Amino acid sequence: MCAGLQEKLEQIENINFQLEVRDITSREDWFAAYQYEVPVLTVDTGTEQQLPRPSPRAKVQQVERMLEKYLPTESK
């Protein structure tokens, strides 16, 4: 995963989600699927759904707003 995106995701406080960082080189199916598309964000709703990739220039708040469309929010 892109270190910059990981850092932004770790700063998000208003959405309850678990960040799992995967090494696509550890599984052939992941590498075949994502070798040209990293970083990849997915949400598991029984099956993995790929989310739109945020711009590398996106601010934390922009990434948070994008995630709010796909994940339930929880006030802290």
PDB file of N, CA and C in Angstrom:
ATOM      1  N   MET A   1       0.849  -1.178   0.000  1.00  0.00           N
ATOM      2  CA  MET A   1       0.000   0.000   0.000  1.00  0.00           C
ATOM      3  C   MET A   1       0.883   1.225   0.000  1.00  0.00           C
ATOM      4  N   CYS A   2       0.391   2.219  -0.618  1.00  0.00           N
ATOM      5  CA  CYS A   2       1.062   3.506  -0.630  1.00  0.00           C
ATOM      6  C   CYS A   2       1.155   4.030   0.801  1.00  0.00           C
ATOM      7  N   ALA A   3       2.358   4.371   1.221  1.00  0.00           N
ATOM      8  CA  ALA A   3       2.556   4.845   2.594  1.00  0.00           C
ATOM      9  C   ALA A   3       1.746   6.104   2.870  1.00  0.00           C
ATOM     10  N   GLY A   4       1.626   6.987   1.875  1.00  0.00           N
ATOM     11  CA  GLY A   4       0.858   8.211   2.067  1.00  0.00           C
ATOM     12  C   GLY A   4      -0.617   7.932   2.311  1.00  0.00           C
ATOM     13  N   LEU A   5      -1.185   7.005   1.551  1.00  0.00           N
ATOM     14  CA  LEU A   5      -2.593   6.663   1.745  1.00  0.00           C
ATOM     15  C   LEU A   5      -2.791   5.967   3.082  1.00  0.00           C
ATOM     16  N   GLN A   6      -1.895   5.082   3.445  1.00  0.00           N
ATOM     17  CA  GLN A   6      -2.000   4.411   4.735  1.00  0.00           C
ATOM     18  C   GLN A   6      -1.982   5.426   5.871  1.00  0.00           C
ATOM     19  N   GLU A   7      -1.095   6.405   5.786  1.00  0.00           N
ATOM     20  CA  GLU A   7      -1.005   7.445   6.814  1.00  0.00           C
ATOM     21  C   GLU A   7      -2.320   8.224   6.915  1.00  0.00           C
ATOM     22  N   LYS A   8      -2.920   8.549   5.765  1.00  0.00           N
ATOM     23  CA  LYS A   8      -4.195   9.271   5.767  1.00  0.00           C
ATOM     24  C   LYS A   8      -5.293   8.419   6.373  1.00  0.00           C
ATOM     25  N   LEU A   9      -5.348   7.147   6.014  1.00  0.00           N
ATOM     26  CA  LEU A   9      -6.382   6.260   6.558  1.00  0.00           C
ATOM     27  C   LEU A   9      -6.247   6.127   8.071  1.00  0.00           C
ATOM     28  N   GLU A  10      -5.021   6.086   8.562  1.00  0.00           N
ATOM     29  CA  GLU A  10      -4.790   5.967  10.001  1.00  0.00           C
ATOM     30  C   GLU A  10      -5.200   7.223  10.760  1.00  0.00           C
ATOM     31  N   GLN A  11      -5.338   8.353  10.085  1.00  0.00           N
ATOM     32  CA  GLN A  11      -5.738   9.606  10.735  1.00  0.00           C
ATOM     33  C   GLN A  11      -7.251   9.782  10.806  1.00  0.00           C
ATOM     34  N   ILE A  12      -8.000   8.943  10.106  1.00  0.00           N
ATOM     35  CA  ILE A  12      -9.460   9.070  10.093  1.00  0.00           C
ATOM     36  C   ILE A  12     -10.024   8.593  11.425  1.00  0.00           C
ATOM     37  N   GLU A  13     -10.831   9.451  12.053  1.00  0.00           N
ATOM     38  CA  GLU A  13     -11.362   9.147  13.378  1.00  0.00           C
ATOM     39  C   GLU A  13     -12.871   8.953  13.415  1.00  0.00           C
ATOM     40  N   ASN A  14     -13.595   9.459  12.433  1.00  0.00           N
ATOM     41  CA  ASN A  14     -15.057   9.449  12.502  1.00  0.00           C
ATOM     42  C   ASN A  14     -15.709   8.256  11.824  1.00  0.00           C
ATOM     43  N   ILE A  15     -14.919   7.340  11.319  1.00  0.00           N
ATOM     44  CA  ILE A  15     -15.448   6.150  10.671  1.00  0.00           C
ATOM     45  C   ILE A  15     -14.819   4.933  11.335  1.00  0.00           C
ATOM     46  N   ASN A  16     -15.653   3.979  11.704  1.00  0.00           N
ATOM     47  CA  ASN A  16     -15.168   2.760  12.336  1.00  0.00           C
ATOM     48  C   ASN A  16     -14.843   1.738  11.243  1.00  0.00           C
ATOM     49  N   PHE A  17     -13.559   1.483  11.035  1.00  0.00           N
ATOM     50  CA  PHE A  17     -13.148   0.482  10.063  1.00  0.00           C
ATOM     51  C   PHE A  17     -11.826  -0.118  10.512  1.00  0.00           C
ATOM     52  N   GLN A  18     -11.542  -1.293  10.004  1.00  0.00           N
ATOM     53  CA  GLN A  18     -10.283  -1.954  10.311  1.00  0.00           C
ATOM     54  C   GLN A  18      -9.423  -1.943   9.061  1.00  0.00           C
ATOM     55  N   LEU A  19      -8.240  -1.406   9.169  1.00  0.00           N
ATOM     56  CA  LEU A  19      -7.308  -1.323   8.057  1.00  0.00           C
ATOM     57  C   LEU A  19      -6.471  -2.591   8.038  1.00  0.00           C
ATOM     58  N   GLU A  20      -6.493  -3.288   6.922  1.00  0.00           N
ATOM     59  CA  GLU A  20      -5.668  -4.477   6.733  1.00  0.00           C
ATOM     60  C   GLU A  20      -4.770  -4.220   5.535  1.00  0.00           C
ATOM     61  N   VAL A  21      -3.480  -4.197   5.765  1.00  0.00           N
ATOM     62  CA  VAL A  21      -2.511  -3.968   4.702  1.00  0.00           C
ATOM     63  C   VAL A  21      -2.059  -5.332   4.200  1.00  0.00           C
ATOM     64  N   ARG A  22      -2.184  -5.536   2.885  1.00  0.00           N
ATOM     65  CA  ARG A  22      -1.820  -6.812   2.282  1.00  0.00           C
ATOM     66  C   ARG A  22      -0.648  -6.639   1.322  1.00  0.00           C
ATOM     67  N   ASP A  23       0.233  -7.592   1.324  1.00  0.00           N
ATOM     68  CA  ASP A  23       1.344  -7.645   0.381  1.00  0.00           C
ATOM     69  C   ASP A  23       0.880  -8.484  -0.802  1.00  0.00           C
ATOM     70  N   ILE A  24       0.655  -7.839  -1.952  1.00  0.00           N
ATOM     71  CA  ILE A  24       0.112  -8.570  -3.095  1.00  0.00           C
ATOM     72  C   ILE A  24       1.089  -9.606  -3.638  1.00  0.00           C
ATOM     73  N   THR A  25       2.362  -9.507  -3.278  1.00  0.00           N
ATOM     74  CA  THR A  25       3.321 -10.499  -3.757  1.00  0.00           C
ATOM     75  C   THR A  25       3.248 -11.799  -2.961  1.00  0.00           C
ATOM     76  N   SER A  26       2.437 -11.816  -1.896  1.00  0.00           N
ATOM     77  CA  SER A  26       2.335 -13.021  -1.075  1.00  0.00           C
ATOM     78  C   SER A  26       1.319 -14.029  -1.627  1.00  0.00           C
ATOM     79  N   ARG A  27       0.504 -13.607  -2.584  1.00  0.00           N
ATOM     80  CA  ARG A  27      -0.474 -14.519  -3.197  1.00  0.00           C
ATOM     81  C   ARG A  27      -0.550 -14.238  -4.692  1.00  0.00           C
ATOM     82  N   GLU A  28      -0.506 -15.299  -5.471  1.00  0.00           N
ATOM     83  CA  GLU A  28      -0.538 -15.147  -6.925  1.00  0.00           C
ATOM     84  C   GLU A  28      -1.824 -14.490  -7.408  1.00  0.00           C
ATOM     85  N   ASP A  29      -2.979 -14.833  -6.798  1.00  0.00           N
ATOM     86  CA  ASP A  29      -4.255 -14.252  -7.247  1.00  0.00           C
ATOM     87  C   ASP A  29      -4.310 -12.754  -6.977  1.00  0.00           C
ATOM     88  N   TRP A  30      -3.776 -12.293  -5.845  1.00  0.00           N
ATOM     89  CA  TRP A  30      -3.737 -10.858  -5.557  1.00  0.00           C
ATOM     90  C   TRP A  30      -2.810 -10.149  -6.539  1.00  0.00           C
ATOM     91  N   PHE A  31      -1.649 -10.751  -6.783  1.00  0.00           N
ATOM     92  CA  PHE A  31      -0.694 -10.129  -7.697  1.00  0.00           C
ATOM     93  C   PHE A  31      -1.277 -10.022  -9.099  1.00  0.00           C
ATOM     94  N   ALA A  32      -1.917 -11.084  -9.569  1.00  0.00           N
ATOM     95  CA  ALA A  32      -2.528 -11.066 -10.898  1.00  0.00           C
ATOM     96  C   ALA A  32      -3.630 -10.014 -10.988  1.00  0.00           C
ATOM     97  N   ALA A  33      -4.401  -9.859  -9.931  1.00  0.00           N
ATOM     98  CA  ALA A  33      -5.529  -8.926  -9.939  1.00  0.00           C
ATOM     99  C   ALA A  33      -5.097  -7.466  -9.772  1.00  0.00           C
ATOM    100  N   TYR A  34      -4.072  -7.216  -8.981  1.00  0.00           N
ATOM    101  CA  TYR A  34      -3.774  -5.846  -8.568  1.00  0.00           C
ATOM    102  C   TYR A  34      -2.391  -5.330  -8.939  1.00  0.00           C
ATOM    103  N   GLN A  35      -1.596  -6.072  -9.684  1.00  0.00           N
ATOM    104  CA  GLN A  35      -0.205  -5.665  -9.917  1.00  0.00           C
ATOM    105  C   GLN A  35      -0.065  -4.276 -10.544  1.00  0.00           C
ATOM    106  N   TYR A  36      -1.076  -3.841 -11.285  1.00  0.00           N
ATOM    107  CA  TYR A  36      -1.004  -2.522 -11.921  1.00  0.00           C
ATOM    108  C   TYR A  36      -1.912  -1.493 -11.257  1.00  0.00           C
ATOM    109  N   GLU A  37      -2.537  -1.853 -10.137  1.00  0.00           N
ATOM    110  CA  GLU A  37      -3.547  -0.980  -9.539  1.00  0.00           C
ATOM    111  C   GLU A  37      -3.312  -0.624  -8.077  1.00  0.00           C
ATOM    112  N   VAL A  38      -2.168  -0.894  -7.521  1.00  0.00           N
ATOM    113  CA  VAL A  38      -1.957  -0.576  -6.113  1.00  0.00           C
ATOM    114  C   VAL A  38      -1.795   0.921  -5.928  1.00  0.00           C
ATOM    115  N   PRO A  39      -2.271   1.496  -4.862  1.00  0.00           N
ATOM    116  CA  PRO A  39      -2.978   0.842  -3.776  1.00  0.00           C
ATOM    117  C   PRO A  39      -4.435   0.552  -4.135  1.00  0.00           C
ATOM    118  N   VAL A  40      -4.969  -0.482  -3.519  1.00  0.00           N
ATOM    119  CA  VAL A  40      -6.353  -0.885  -3.743  1.00  0.00           C
ATOM    120  C   VAL A  40      -7.069  -0.850  -2.405  1.00  0.00           C
ATOM    121  N   LEU A  41      -8.225  -0.217  -2.387  1.00  0.00           N
ATOM    122  CA  LEU A  41      -9.080  -0.227  -1.198  1.00  0.00           C
ATOM    123  C   LEU A  41     -10.269  -1.127  -1.490  1.00  0.00           C
ATOM    124  N   THR A  42     -10.588  -1.994  -0.535  1.00  0.00           N
ATOM    125  CA  THR A  42     -11.767  -2.841  -0.673  1.00  0.00           C
ATOM    126  C   THR A  42     -12.552  -2.806   0.626  1.00  0.00           C
ATOM    127  N   VAL A  43     -13.814  -3.161   0.521  1.00  0.00           N
ATOM    128  CA  VAL A  43     -14.653  -3.328   1.697  1.00  0.00           C
ATOM    129  C   VAL A  43     -15.234  -4.734   1.589  1.00  0.00           C
ATOM    130  N   ASP A  44     -15.252  -5.446   2.708  1.00  0.00           N
ATOM    131  CA  ASP A  44     -15.761  -6.816   2.724  1.00  0.00           C
ATOM    132  C   ASP A  44     -17.198  -6.809   3.213  1.00  0.00           C
ATOM    133  N   THR A  45     -18.107  -7.092   2.315  1.00  0.00           N
ATOM    134  CA  THR A  45     -19.529  -7.178   2.648  1.00  0.00           C
ATOM    135  C   THR A  45     -20.015  -8.592   2.343  1.00  0.00           C
ATOM    136  N   GLY A  46     -19.195  -9.575   2.702  1.00  0.00           N
ATOM    137  CA  GLY A  46     -19.454 -10.946   2.330  1.00  0.00           C
ATOM    138  C   GLY A  46     -18.588 -11.317   1.137  1.00  0.00           C
ATOM    139  N   THR A  47     -18.472 -10.404   0.212  1.00  0.00           N
ATOM    140  CA  THR A  47     -17.505 -10.501  -0.877  1.00  0.00           C
ATOM    141  C   THR A  47     -16.771  -9.168  -0.921  1.00  0.00           C
ATOM    142  N   GLU A  48     -15.562  -9.196  -1.390  1.00  0.00           N
ATOM    143  CA  GLU A  48     -14.796  -7.955  -1.440  1.00  0.00           C
ATOM    144  C   GLU A  48     -15.268  -7.066  -2.583  1.00  0.00           C
ATOM    145  N   GLN A  49     -15.556  -5.826  -2.240  1.00  0.00           N
ATOM    146  CA  GLN A  49     -15.950  -4.819  -3.218  1.00  0.00           C
ATOM    147  C   GLN A  49     -14.817  -3.808  -3.303  1.00  0.00           C
ATOM    148  N   GLN A  50     -14.296  -3.587  -4.504  1.00  0.00           N
ATOM    149  CA  GLN A  50     -13.224  -2.619  -4.686  1.00  0.00           C
ATOM    150  C   GLN A  50     -13.802  -1.210  -4.676  1.00  0.00           C
ATOM    151  N   LEU A  51     -13.161  -0.326  -3.918  1.00  0.00           N
ATOM    152  CA  LEU A  51     -13.587   1.068  -3.822  1.00  0.00           C
ATOM    153  C   LEU A  51     -12.781   1.911  -4.809  1.00  0.00           C
ATOM    154  N   PRO A  52     -13.317   3.067  -5.181  1.00  0.00           N
ATOM    155  CA  PRO A  52     -12.545   3.965  -6.045  1.00  0.00           C
ATOM    156  C   PRO A  52     -11.239   4.362  -5.361  1.00  0.00           C
ATOM    157  N   ARG A  53     -10.206   4.494  -6.139  1.00  0.00           N
ATOM    158  CA  ARG A  53      -8.903   4.870  -5.596  1.00  0.00           C
ATOM    159  C   ARG A  53      -8.849   6.385  -5.433  1.00  0.00           C
ATOM    160  N   PRO A  54      -8.563   6.876  -4.218  1.00  0.00           N
ATOM    161  CA  PRO A  54      -8.455   8.325  -4.031  1.00  0.00           C
ATOM    162  C   PRO A  54      -7.189   8.864  -4.687  1.00  0.00           C
ATOM    163  N   SER A  55      -7.233  10.101  -5.079  1.00  0.00           N
ATOM    164  CA  SER A  55      -6.076  10.766  -5.657  1.00  0.00           C
ATOM    165  C   SER A  55      -4.953  10.816  -4.628  1.00  0.00           C
ATOM    166  N   PRO A  56      -3.708  10.654  -5.051  1.00  0.00           N
ATOM    167  CA  PRO A  56      -2.588  10.792  -4.113  1.00  0.00           C
ATOM    168  C   PRO A  56      -2.531  12.178  -3.468  1.00  0.00           C
ATOM    169  N   ARG A  57      -3.140  13.169  -4.106  1.00  0.00           N
ATOM    170  CA  ARG A  57      -3.157  14.524  -3.561  1.00  0.00           C
ATOM    171  C   ARG A  57      -4.327  14.776  -2.620  1.00  0.00           C
ATOM    172  N   ALA A  58      -5.212  13.803  -2.468  1.00  0.00           N
ATOM    173  CA  ALA A  58      -6.389  13.980  -1.616  1.00  0.00           C
ATOM    174  C   ALA A  58      -5.964  14.202  -0.167  1.00  0.00           C
ATOM    175  N   LYS A  59      -6.641  15.108   0.471  1.00  0.00           N
ATOM    176  CA  LYS A  59      -6.418  15.381   1.894  1.00  0.00           C
ATOM    177  C   LYS A  59      -7.159  14.325   2.715  1.00  0.00           C
ATOM    178  N   VAL A  60      -6.814  14.229   3.998  1.00  0.00           N
ATOM    179  CA  VAL A  60      -7.449  13.254   4.890  1.00  0.00           C
ATOM    180  C   VAL A  60      -8.969  13.412   4.860  1.00  0.00           C
ATOM    181  N   GLN A  61      -9.450  14.662   4.887  1.00  0.00           N
ATOM    182  CA  GLN A  61     -10.887  14.904   4.907  1.00  0.00           C
ATOM    183  C   GLN A  61     -11.552  14.419   3.618  1.00  0.00           C
ATOM    184  N   GLN A  62     -10.869  14.537   2.492  1.00  0.00           N
ATOM    185  CA  GLN A  62     -11.422  14.064   1.228  1.00  0.00           C
ATOM    186  C   GLN A  62     -11.497  12.539   1.197  1.00  0.00           C
ATOM    187  N   VAL A  63     -10.490  11.880   1.712  1.00  0.00           N
ATOM    188  CA  VAL A  63     -10.506  10.414   1.782  1.00  0.00           C
ATOM    189  C   VAL A  63     -11.625   9.973   2.727  1.00  0.00           C
ATOM    190  N   GLU A  64     -11.790  10.681   3.835  1.00  0.00           N
ATOM    191  CA  GLU A  64     -12.845  10.354   4.791  1.00  0.00           C
ATOM    192  C   GLU A  64     -14.226  10.496   4.146  1.00  0.00           C
ATOM    193  N   ARG A  65     -14.458  11.571   3.404  1.00  0.00           N
ATOM    194  CA  ARG A  65     -15.760  11.764   2.738  1.00  0.00           C
ATOM    195  C   ARG A  65     -16.025  10.652   1.721  1.00  0.00           C
ATOM    196  N   MET A  66     -14.984  10.231   1.012  1.00  0.00           N
ATOM    197  CA  MET A  66     -15.139   9.146   0.055  1.00  0.00           C
ATOM    198  C   MET A  66     -15.519   7.855   0.771  1.00  0.00           C
ATOM    199  N   LEU A  67     -14.862   7.569   1.882  1.00  0.00           N
ATOM    200  CA  LEU A  67     -15.166   6.351   2.633  1.00  0.00           C
ATOM    201  C   LEU A  67     -16.569   6.368   3.218  1.00  0.00           C
ATOM    202  N   GLU A  68     -17.048   7.550   3.605  1.00  0.00           N
ATOM    203  CA  GLU A  68     -18.393   7.663   4.175  1.00  0.00           C
ATOM    204  C   GLU A  68     -19.456   7.146   3.214  1.00  0.00           C
ATOM    205  N   LYS A  69     -19.191   7.191   1.927  1.00  0.00           N
ATOM    206  CA  LYS A  69     -20.143   6.698   0.934  1.00  0.00           C
ATOM    207  C   LYS A  69     -20.247   5.173   0.962  1.00  0.00           C
ATOM    208  N   TYR A  70     -19.212   4.503   1.435  1.00  0.00           N
ATOM    209  CA  TYR A  70     -19.139   3.047   1.362  1.00  0.00           C
ATOM    210  C   TYR A  70     -19.150   2.346   2.715  1.00  0.00           C
ATOM    211  N   LEU A  71     -18.840   3.060   3.781  1.00  0.00           N
ATOM    212  CA  LEU A  71     -18.757   2.460   5.101  1.00  0.00           C
ATOM    213  C   LEU A  71     -19.737   3.145   6.058  1.00  0.00           C
ATOM    214  N   PRO A  72     -20.274   2.396   6.997  1.00  0.00           N
ATOM    215  CA  PRO A  72     -21.138   3.056   7.992  1.00  0.00           C
ATOM    216  C   PRO A  72     -20.305   3.964   8.884  1.00  0.00           C
ATOM    217  N   THR A  73     -20.847   5.119   9.216  1.00  0.00           N
ATOM    218  CA  THR A  73     -20.132   6.049  10.084  1.00  0.00           C
ATOM    219  C   THR A  73     -20.571   5.848  11.521  1.00  0.00           C
ATOM    220  N   GLU A  74     -19.672   6.192  12.401  1.00  0.00           N
ATOM    221  CA  GLU A  74     -19.936   6.073  13.839  1.00  0.00           C
ATOM    222  C   GLU A  74     -19.314   7.271  14.524  1.00  0.00           C
ATOM    223  N   SER A  75     -20.094   8.026  15.226  1.00  0.00           N
ATOM    224  CA  SER A  75     -19.565   9.190  15.946  1.00  0.00           C
ATOM    225  C   SER A  75     -18.757   8.730  17.129  1.00  0.00           C
ATOM    226  N   LYS A  76     -17.678   9.451  17.410  1.00  0.00           N
ATOM    227  CA  LYS A  76     -16.841   9.122  18.576  1.00  0.00           C
ATOM    228  C   LYS A  76     -16.963  10.194  19.601  1.00  0.00           C
TER     229      LYS A  76
END
